[in-house]
Amino acid sequence: MKNFAQPKKALLQTTALVAAGFIVSAAPADAAEKLRIGVGGYAEQWFGYTDIQDDGNTTQDLSGFDVKSDTEIHFEGFTTLDNGLEVGINVQLEGNTNSSDQIDESYLTVRGNFGQIDIGDENSALYKTHVAPKEYGMGINSGDTVDWELSGTTSISNSGYFRAPFGGTFIEPGRANDSTKLTYYTPRVEGFRVGLSYAPDSAQDSNVLPDRNTSSLTDGVMAGIDYSRDFNGVKVGASAGYGTFLEAAGNNPEPEAYAFGLTVDYAGFQVGGSYAGFQDSGVNDGDAYVIGAAYDFGPYGLSATYLHGERDGLAGSTAPASVQADRDTFALGGRYILGPGVSLQGTLGYSEYTSDTAGVGDVEAAYAITGIKLTF
C-alpha cells in the first residue's frame, strides 16, 4: 500500500550483494571507489479489528478482523569522488505485488558543500520539508488508516485521500506523488534549509516528452523551507511549503497546494500541529489540520493525534469519491522497541465522516490495530 508513511531506513553496507539473481561485487581499491550497493527498507505487518457503521449503505458488512501488509526493499549506495562530491542512488522495490507501482521511488543524488540535488522519481521539496507531529502505530496523517475505515463502494469512499488534504497534511499539488523531477536543497544555515523542485509533468516512470496540449498537468514547481534548531534542550521544528503546476490541459485550472507545520520537543515530550490545503484541484479542494502530542521514555513511546479534514467535492455529485465530506479522526498510538530496528506498535482510533450532500449517509469507524515494524 503506497500510502503508508515512510519510516527511517538503516543502510547495511556490504561488500557483496546477491539480489534478483545479480551479484554486485566489491570495486577495485581506486582513489575513488565505485559505488557499492547496500540493502535497506522496511516491513510492516498489521492485524486489527474494525467496526464500521454506514448510514448510507446497507449492502455491506465491513465489521471484523483484517490483516494488512506493507514492505519495501531499498537498494541504496553512495560513493565519494576525488573532488569530494558524493554521488548516490536509491531504488525502492515494493514488496507487495498488489501495488500498481512495483518500483516506488527511484532517483540519483549528488551532494556536497553546495547542498544536495535529487534527480528522478521522488517526492518534492514541498513534501520532504514538511514538519508534522510524530505518531506511533498506523498513523493518521498520511491516509494510512483510511483502508480500515472506508471501502471503495460505500457512501464516502476511500479513494482520493493519498497526498491530498482529506488524507493528511503530507501533500503534493495535483496529488502527483513521486513524479519525475529535479530537486535542489540548500545547506542548512542557522537552522534553515530551502528546497526547490521542478517536474516537467505529473507522470512517474515516463520518458515521453510532455505535450502541454494533451498532458493533464505540466511544468510543476514546488518549494519548501524548514527550520530545525535546539535551544538549550528545547528543539523547535517548523516548515512552510507551496506547489503548483503552471500548465493544465484544456480549460482546467492549475492546482495549488500549500502546507505548514510546527513542533516543539523537550525532555521526551513533543507537541505540534500542521496544516495543508488545496485550491483549484477539483473534487480534492479543501484543507486539513492535525494536532498531536507524543512522549518517549526508554523503549516506550505514546502519541495522541487529532485530524480534521474537509473536501469540497463536486457540486451535485453523489458519487462516493466526489461527494462533499468532512472528516474527524482521533487516534492513540503506542510503540515498544523490541530490539534494533524492531518495534511492536499499536493504534486505537475513531473516525467520523459526514456529508452535506442529500442522500449521503454518515460513516463511523472504530478500530484497534497492532503490528510489528521492521527497519533494516
Protein backbone atom coordinates (compact mmCIF):
# COMPACT_ATOMS: atom_id res chain seq x y z
CA MET A 1 0.00 0.00 0.00
CA LYS A 2 1.56 3.20 -1.20
CA ASN A 3 0.04 5.48 1.38
CA PHE A 4 1.94 4.30 4.43
CA ALA A 5 4.20 6.88 5.95
CA GLN A 6 7.85 6.28 5.18
CA PRO A 7 9.85 5.08 8.20
CA LYS A 8 13.52 5.73 8.71
CA LYS A 9 15.81 3.24 6.95
CA ALA A 10 19.06 1.73 8.14
CA LEU A 11 21.66 1.15 5.44
CA LEU A 12 23.53 -2.18 5.65
CA GLN A 13 26.87 -1.76 3.93
CA THR A 14 28.12 -4.95 2.27
CA THR A 15 31.00 -5.98 0.06
CA ALA A 16 28.88 -8.41 -1.89
CA LEU A 17 25.13 -8.45 -2.54
CA VAL A 18 23.03 -11.15 -4.12
CA ALA A 19 19.72 -9.70 -5.26
CA ALA A 20 17.35 -10.78 -8.02
CA GLY A 21 19.97 -13.11 -9.43
CA PHE A 22 22.69 -10.50 -9.77
CA ILE A 23 25.93 -10.26 -7.81
CA VAL A 24 27.36 -6.82 -7.02
CA SER A 25 31.00 -7.37 -6.07
CA ALA A 26 33.49 -5.09 -4.39
CA ALA A 27 35.05 -2.43 -6.56
CA PRO A 28 38.80 -2.09 -7.10
CA ALA A 29 40.64 -0.05 -4.50
CA ASP A 30 40.95 3.12 -6.57
CA ALA A 31 41.36 6.57 -5.07
CA ALA A 32 37.62 6.98 -5.63
CA GLU A 33 35.99 3.58 -5.43
CA LYS A 34 32.96 2.55 -7.42
CA LEU A 35 29.62 2.96 -5.75
CA ARG A 36 28.71 -0.02 -3.58
CA ILE A 37 25.09 -1.01 -3.15
CA GLY A 38 23.59 -1.82 0.23
CA VAL A 39 20.15 -3.02 1.20
CA GLY A 40 17.70 -1.14 3.41
CA GLY A 41 13.97 -0.87 3.73
CA TYR A 42 11.11 -1.77 6.00
CA ALA A 43 8.43 -4.39 6.60
CA GLU A 44 5.15 -3.81 8.41
CA GLN A 45 2.54 -6.43 9.27
CA TRP A 46 -0.71 -5.29 10.89
CA PHE A 47 -3.58 -7.17 12.48
CA GLY A 48 -6.68 -5.46 13.77
CA TYR A 49 -10.40 -5.27 14.30
CA THR A 50 -12.63 -2.57 12.88
CA ASP A 51 -16.29 -1.75 13.38
CA ILE A 52 -17.92 0.41 10.69
CA GLN A 53 -21.40 1.90 10.81
CA ASP A 54 -22.52 3.33 7.45
CA ASP A 55 -25.89 5.09 7.42
CA GLY A 56 -25.93 5.30 3.65
CA ASN A 57 -25.11 1.71 2.64
CA THR A 58 -26.90 -1.42 3.84
CA THR A 59 -25.42 -3.88 1.32
CA GLN A 60 -22.08 -4.38 3.08
CA ASP A 61 -20.96 -5.84 6.39
CA LEU A 62 -17.46 -4.39 6.91
CA SER A 63 -17.00 -5.09 10.61
CA GLY A 64 -14.40 -7.67 11.57
CA PHE A 65 -10.74 -8.68 11.64
CA ASP A 66 -8.22 -7.92 8.92
CA VAL A 67 -4.51 -8.29 8.16
CA LYS A 68 -2.61 -5.69 6.14
CA SER A 69 0.98 -5.66 4.88
CA ASP A 70 3.44 -3.07 3.62
CA THR A 71 7.02 -3.93 2.67
CA GLU A 72 9.71 -2.18 0.64
CA ILE A 73 13.27 -3.22 -0.22
CA HIS A 74 15.60 -0.29 -0.82
CA PHE A 75 18.79 -0.57 -2.87
CA GLU A 76 21.00 2.29 -1.78
CA GLY A 77 24.59 3.40 -2.05
CA PHE A 78 26.99 6.37 -2.14
CA THR A 79 30.48 6.92 -3.39
CA THR A 80 32.78 9.88 -2.76
CA LEU A 81 34.62 11.25 -5.79
CA ASP A 82 38.17 12.58 -5.72
CA ASN A 83 36.81 16.15 -5.76
CA GLY A 84 34.76 15.48 -2.61
CA LEU A 85 31.36 15.20 -4.27
CA GLU A 86 29.13 12.36 -3.08
CA VAL A 87 27.02 10.56 -5.67
CA GLY A 88 24.39 8.02 -4.72
CA ILE A 89 21.36 6.05 -5.85
CA ASN A 90 18.12 4.96 -4.20
CA VAL A 91 15.76 2.42 -5.82
CA GLN A 92 12.76 1.22 -3.81
CA LEU A 93 11.08 -2.08 -4.66
CA GLU A 94 7.55 -2.69 -3.42
CA GLY A 95 7.28 -5.97 -1.54
CA ASN A 96 3.55 -6.39 -2.18
CA THR A 97 2.60 -7.33 -5.73
CA ASN A 98 -0.86 -5.78 -5.46
CA SER A 99 0.81 -2.38 -5.75
CA SER A 100 0.16 -0.60 -9.05
CA ASP A 101 3.67 0.85 -8.86
CA GLN A 102 6.13 -2.01 -8.34
CA ILE A 103 9.11 0.37 -8.22
CA ASP A 104 8.34 3.21 -5.84
CA GLU A 105 10.95 5.98 -5.63
CA SER A 106 13.96 5.71 -7.95
CA TYR A 107 16.40 8.60 -8.01
CA LEU A 108 20.04 9.73 -8.06
CA THR A 109 21.58 12.12 -5.52
CA VAL A 110 24.58 14.46 -5.78
CA ARG A 111 25.63 16.30 -2.64
CA GLY A 112 28.46 18.44 -1.37
CA ASN A 113 29.17 21.78 0.24
CA PHE A 114 26.73 23.39 -2.21
CA GLY A 115 23.80 21.34 -0.87
CA GLN A 116 22.00 18.38 -2.41
CA ILE A 117 20.43 17.59 -5.78
CA ASP A 118 17.93 14.75 -6.30
CA ILE A 119 17.06 13.66 -9.85
CA GLY A 120 14.36 11.11 -10.61
CA ASP A 121 11.10 9.76 -9.21
CA GLU A 122 10.85 11.13 -5.68
CA ASN A 123 8.64 13.37 -3.56
CA SER A 124 9.03 17.11 -3.96
CA ALA A 125 10.59 19.68 -1.65
CA LEU A 126 7.06 20.67 -0.54
CA TYR A 127 6.54 17.16 0.85
CA LYS A 128 10.03 16.40 2.16
CA THR A 129 10.47 19.65 4.12
CA HIS A 130 7.04 19.36 5.77
CA VAL A 131 7.01 19.22 9.58
CA ALA A 132 4.17 17.47 11.43
CA PRO A 133 3.56 15.88 14.85
CA LYS A 134 5.10 12.43 15.25
CA GLU A 135 2.84 9.41 15.56
CA TYR A 136 3.16 5.82 16.65
CA GLY A 137 1.17 2.85 15.37
CA MET A 138 -0.50 3.16 11.98
CA GLY A 139 -0.60 6.95 11.99
CA ILE A 140 -3.48 9.04 10.66
CA ASN A 141 -1.60 11.87 8.92
CA SER A 142 -0.91 10.23 5.57
CA GLY A 143 -4.10 8.33 4.82
CA ASP A 144 -2.80 5.17 6.50
CA THR A 145 -5.97 4.31 8.40
CA VAL A 146 -8.43 5.06 5.59
CA ASP A 147 -8.38 1.43 4.46
CA TRP A 148 -9.54 0.43 7.94
CA GLU A 149 -12.37 2.97 7.96
CA LEU A 150 -13.95 3.04 4.49
CA SER A 151 -14.44 0.92 1.39
CA GLY A 152 -14.43 1.90 -2.27
CA THR A 153 -18.19 1.36 -2.63
CA THR A 154 -19.56 2.98 0.49
CA SER A 155 -21.29 6.38 0.52
CA ILE A 156 -17.97 8.13 1.21
CA SER A 157 -15.23 6.10 -0.47
CA ASN A 158 -11.56 5.62 0.40
CA SER A 159 -10.30 6.89 -2.96
CA GLY A 160 -8.67 10.29 -3.44
CA TYR A 161 -7.03 10.54 0.01
CA PHE A 162 -3.41 9.87 -0.82
CA ARG A 163 -1.32 13.09 -0.95
CA ALA A 164 -4.49 15.21 -0.59
CA PRO A 165 -5.62 17.24 2.45
CA PHE A 166 -8.56 14.93 3.21
CA GLY A 167 -5.99 12.21 3.93
CA GLY A 168 -3.48 14.33 5.85
CA THR A 169 -1.06 17.24 5.61
CA PHE A 170 1.69 15.47 3.60
CA ILE A 171 0.52 16.59 0.15
CA GLU A 172 1.61 17.15 -3.45
CA PRO A 173 -0.04 19.50 -5.99
CA GLY A 174 -2.40 17.53 -8.21
CA ARG A 175 -1.66 14.53 -5.93
CA ALA A 176 1.34 13.96 -8.25
CA ASN A 177 3.24 11.65 -5.93
CA ASP A 178 6.80 10.70 -6.98
CA SER A 179 6.54 12.37 -10.37
CA THR A 180 9.89 12.56 -12.17
CA LYS A 181 11.57 15.77 -11.11
CA LEU A 182 14.71 17.74 -10.28
CA THR A 183 15.06 18.98 -6.69
CA TYR A 184 17.71 21.14 -5.04
CA TYR A 185 18.20 21.58 -1.27
CA THR A 186 20.46 24.28 0.14
CA PRO A 187 22.83 23.56 3.03
CA ARG A 188 21.24 24.19 6.41
CA VAL A 189 22.24 27.66 7.64
CA GLU A 190 21.31 28.84 11.15
CA GLY A 191 18.72 26.06 11.21
CA PHE A 192 17.12 26.95 7.87
CA ARG A 193 17.04 24.86 4.69
CA VAL A 194 15.30 25.64 1.39
CA GLY A 195 14.18 23.14 -1.22
CA LEU A 196 13.09 23.78 -4.82
CA SER A 197 11.60 21.22 -7.22
CA TYR A 198 10.71 21.19 -10.92
CA ALA A 199 8.61 18.44 -12.54
CA PRO A 200 8.10 18.51 -16.34
CA ASP A 201 4.71 16.83 -15.83
CA SER A 202 2.78 14.85 -13.23
CA ALA A 203 3.81 11.42 -14.57
CA GLN A 204 6.14 8.89 -12.93
CA ASP A 205 8.38 6.44 -14.84
CA SER A 206 7.73 8.21 -18.15
CA ASN A 207 10.33 9.38 -20.67
CA VAL A 208 7.78 10.78 -23.12
CA LEU A 209 8.36 14.44 -23.93
CA PRO A 210 5.49 16.33 -22.25
CA ASP A 211 2.85 17.79 -24.57
CA ARG A 212 1.11 20.73 -22.91
CA ASN A 213 -1.92 20.24 -25.18
CA THR A 214 -2.58 16.68 -24.06
CA SER A 215 -0.82 16.13 -20.71
CA SER A 216 -3.18 16.92 -17.86
CA LEU A 217 -0.55 18.79 -15.81
CA THR A 218 2.85 20.15 -16.88
CA ASP A 219 5.59 22.43 -15.52
CA GLY A 220 5.25 21.68 -11.82
CA VAL A 221 7.10 23.89 -9.36
CA MET A 222 7.28 23.15 -5.64
CA ALA A 223 9.15 24.87 -2.84
CA GLY A 224 9.59 24.33 0.86
CA ILE A 225 11.55 25.79 3.73
CA ASP A 226 12.15 24.05 7.04
CA TYR A 227 13.77 25.09 10.28
CA SER A 228 15.36 22.93 12.97
CA ARG A 229 17.17 24.33 16.00
CA ASP A 230 17.97 23.27 19.56
CA PHE A 231 17.72 25.95 22.26
CA ASN A 232 19.27 24.53 25.44
CA GLY A 233 17.35 21.28 25.18
CA VAL A 234 14.23 22.73 23.55
CA LYS A 235 14.12 21.63 19.90
CA VAL A 236 11.96 23.63 17.51
CA GLY A 237 10.94 22.45 14.04
CA ALA A 238 8.92 24.47 11.54
CA SER A 239 8.09 24.39 7.83
CA ALA A 240 6.21 26.17 5.07
CA GLY A 241 5.70 24.99 1.51
CA TYR A 242 3.88 25.67 -1.74
CA GLY A 243 3.44 23.85 -5.03
CA THR A 244 1.56 24.20 -8.32
CA PHE A 245 1.55 23.14 -11.96
CA LEU A 246 1.87 26.12 -14.28
CA GLU A 247 0.00 24.47 -17.16
CA ALA A 248 -3.15 22.37 -17.23
CA ALA A 249 -4.63 20.87 -20.41
CA GLY A 250 -7.83 22.34 -21.76
CA ASN A 251 -9.57 24.93 -19.68
CA ASN A 252 -8.74 23.23 -16.40
CA PRO A 253 -7.32 25.43 -13.62
CA GLU A 254 -3.78 24.97 -12.35
CA PRO A 255 -3.87 23.15 -8.98
CA GLU A 256 -2.23 24.75 -5.96
CA ALA A 257 -1.08 23.13 -2.71
CA TYR A 258 0.32 24.64 0.48
CA ALA A 259 1.36 23.26 3.86
CA PHE A 260 2.70 24.50 7.21
CA GLY A 261 3.95 22.76 10.33
CA LEU A 262 5.40 23.40 13.80
CA THR A 263 6.71 21.07 16.53
CA VAL A 264 8.40 21.65 19.89
CA ASP A 265 10.36 18.91 21.71
CA TYR A 266 11.61 18.91 25.29
CA ALA A 267 12.72 16.10 27.62
CA GLY A 268 11.00 13.39 25.61
CA PHE A 269 7.77 15.35 25.07
CA GLN A 270 6.62 16.73 21.74
CA VAL A 271 3.65 18.93 20.87
CA GLY A 272 2.86 20.22 17.42
CA GLY A 273 0.48 20.89 14.61
CA SER A 274 0.35 21.00 10.82
CA TYR A 275 -1.96 22.38 8.14
CA ALA A 276 -2.44 21.76 4.42
CA GLY A 277 -4.78 22.97 1.69
CA PHE A 278 -5.70 22.51 -1.98
CA GLN A 279 -7.09 25.11 -4.37
CA ASP A 280 -8.24 24.64 -7.98
CA SER A 281 -7.88 20.89 -7.59
CA GLY A 282 -11.43 19.86 -8.46
CA VAL A 283 -13.03 17.34 -6.16
CA ASN A 284 -10.00 17.39 -3.82
CA ASP A 285 -10.22 21.09 -2.95
CA GLY A 286 -10.26 21.56 0.80
CA ASP A 287 -7.97 21.68 3.78
CA ALA A 288 -6.90 19.77 6.87
CA TYR A 289 -5.18 20.35 10.16
CA VAL A 290 -3.50 17.98 12.60
CA ILE A 291 -2.63 18.50 16.24
CA GLY A 292 -0.72 16.00 18.32
CA ALA A 293 1.40 15.22 21.34
CA ALA A 294 3.89 12.43 21.99
CA TYR A 295 6.11 11.20 24.79
CA ASP A 296 9.15 8.91 24.61
CA PHE A 297 10.50 7.14 27.69
CA GLY A 298 13.12 4.48 27.24
CA PRO A 299 11.96 1.92 24.67
CA TYR A 300 8.36 3.14 25.01
CA GLY A 301 6.54 5.82 23.07
CA LEU A 302 2.99 7.17 23.21
CA SER A 303 1.18 9.56 20.89
CA ALA A 304 -2.24 11.21 20.66
CA THR A 305 -3.30 12.75 17.35
CA TYR A 306 -6.40 14.52 16.01
CA LEU A 307 -7.06 15.21 12.32
CA HIS A 308 -9.84 17.33 10.83
CA GLY A 309 -10.23 17.33 7.06
CA GLU A 310 -12.66 18.92 4.64
CA ARG A 311 -13.24 18.00 1.00
CA ASP A 312 -15.34 20.35 -1.15
CA GLY A 313 -16.35 17.63 -3.63
CA LEU A 314 -18.22 18.33 -6.85
CA ALA A 315 -21.48 20.23 -6.71
CA GLY A 316 -24.44 17.95 -7.28
CA SER A 317 -22.37 14.76 -7.30
CA THR A 318 -23.46 11.70 -5.34
CA ALA A 319 -20.52 9.54 -6.45
CA PRO A 320 -18.70 8.04 -3.42
CA ALA A 321 -15.34 9.53 -4.42
CA SER A 322 -16.55 13.05 -5.17
CA VAL A 323 -19.21 14.00 -2.62
CA GLN A 324 -18.63 16.85 -0.21
CA ALA A 325 -17.39 15.46 3.09
CA ASP A 326 -15.90 16.33 6.46
CA ARG A 327 -13.66 14.03 8.48
CA ASP A 328 -12.73 13.90 12.16
CA THR A 329 -10.23 11.26 13.28
CA PHE A 330 -8.67 10.70 16.69
CA ALA A 331 -6.01 8.09 17.44
CA LEU A 332 -3.91 6.89 20.36
CA GLY A 333 -0.67 5.22 19.30
CA GLY A 334 1.95 3.24 21.14
CA ARG A 335 5.40 1.79 20.47
CA TYR A 336 7.71 -0.61 22.26
CA ILE A 337 11.21 -1.21 20.87
CA LEU A 338 11.93 -4.93 20.95
CA GLY A 339 15.45 -4.57 19.55
CA PRO A 340 17.48 -2.72 16.92
CA GLY A 341 15.12 -1.96 14.03
CA VAL A 342 12.24 -3.97 15.54
CA SER A 343 9.24 -2.45 17.31
CA LEU A 344 5.81 -3.54 18.43
CA GLN A 345 3.22 -0.83 17.67
CA GLY A 346 -0.50 -0.32 18.08
CA THR A 347 -3.34 2.13 17.44
CA LEU A 348 -6.75 2.74 18.95
CA GLY A 349 -8.74 5.03 16.69
CA TYR A 350 -12.13 6.50 15.91
CA SER A 351 -13.30 8.37 12.80
CA GLU A 352 -16.48 10.08 11.75
CA TYR A 353 -17.24 11.04 8.14
CA THR A 354 -20.16 13.34 7.37
CA SER A 355 -21.54 14.97 4.24
CA ASP A 356 -23.94 17.81 3.46
CA THR A 357 -24.92 16.08 0.21
CA ALA A 358 -28.53 14.90 0.32
CA GLY A 359 -28.89 11.13 0.49
CA VAL A 360 -25.30 10.50 1.58
CA GLY A 361 -25.07 8.76 4.95
CA ASP A 362 -22.59 9.34 7.70
CA VAL A 363 -19.85 6.82 8.43
CA GLU A 364 -18.46 5.98 11.87
CA ALA A 365 -15.50 3.67 12.37
CA ALA A 366 -13.73 2.42 15.47
CA TYR A 367 -10.65 0.21 15.27
CA ALA A 368 -7.92 -1.46 17.29
CA ILE A 369 -4.75 -2.37 15.38
CA THR A 370 -1.46 -3.92 16.40
CA GLY A 371 1.58 -4.79 14.35
CA ILE A 372 5.32 -5.24 14.05
CA LYS A 373 7.54 -2.76 12.23
CA LEU A 374 10.96 -3.75 10.97
CA THR A 375 13.54 -1.36 9.54
CA PHE A 376 16.81 -2.58 8.09
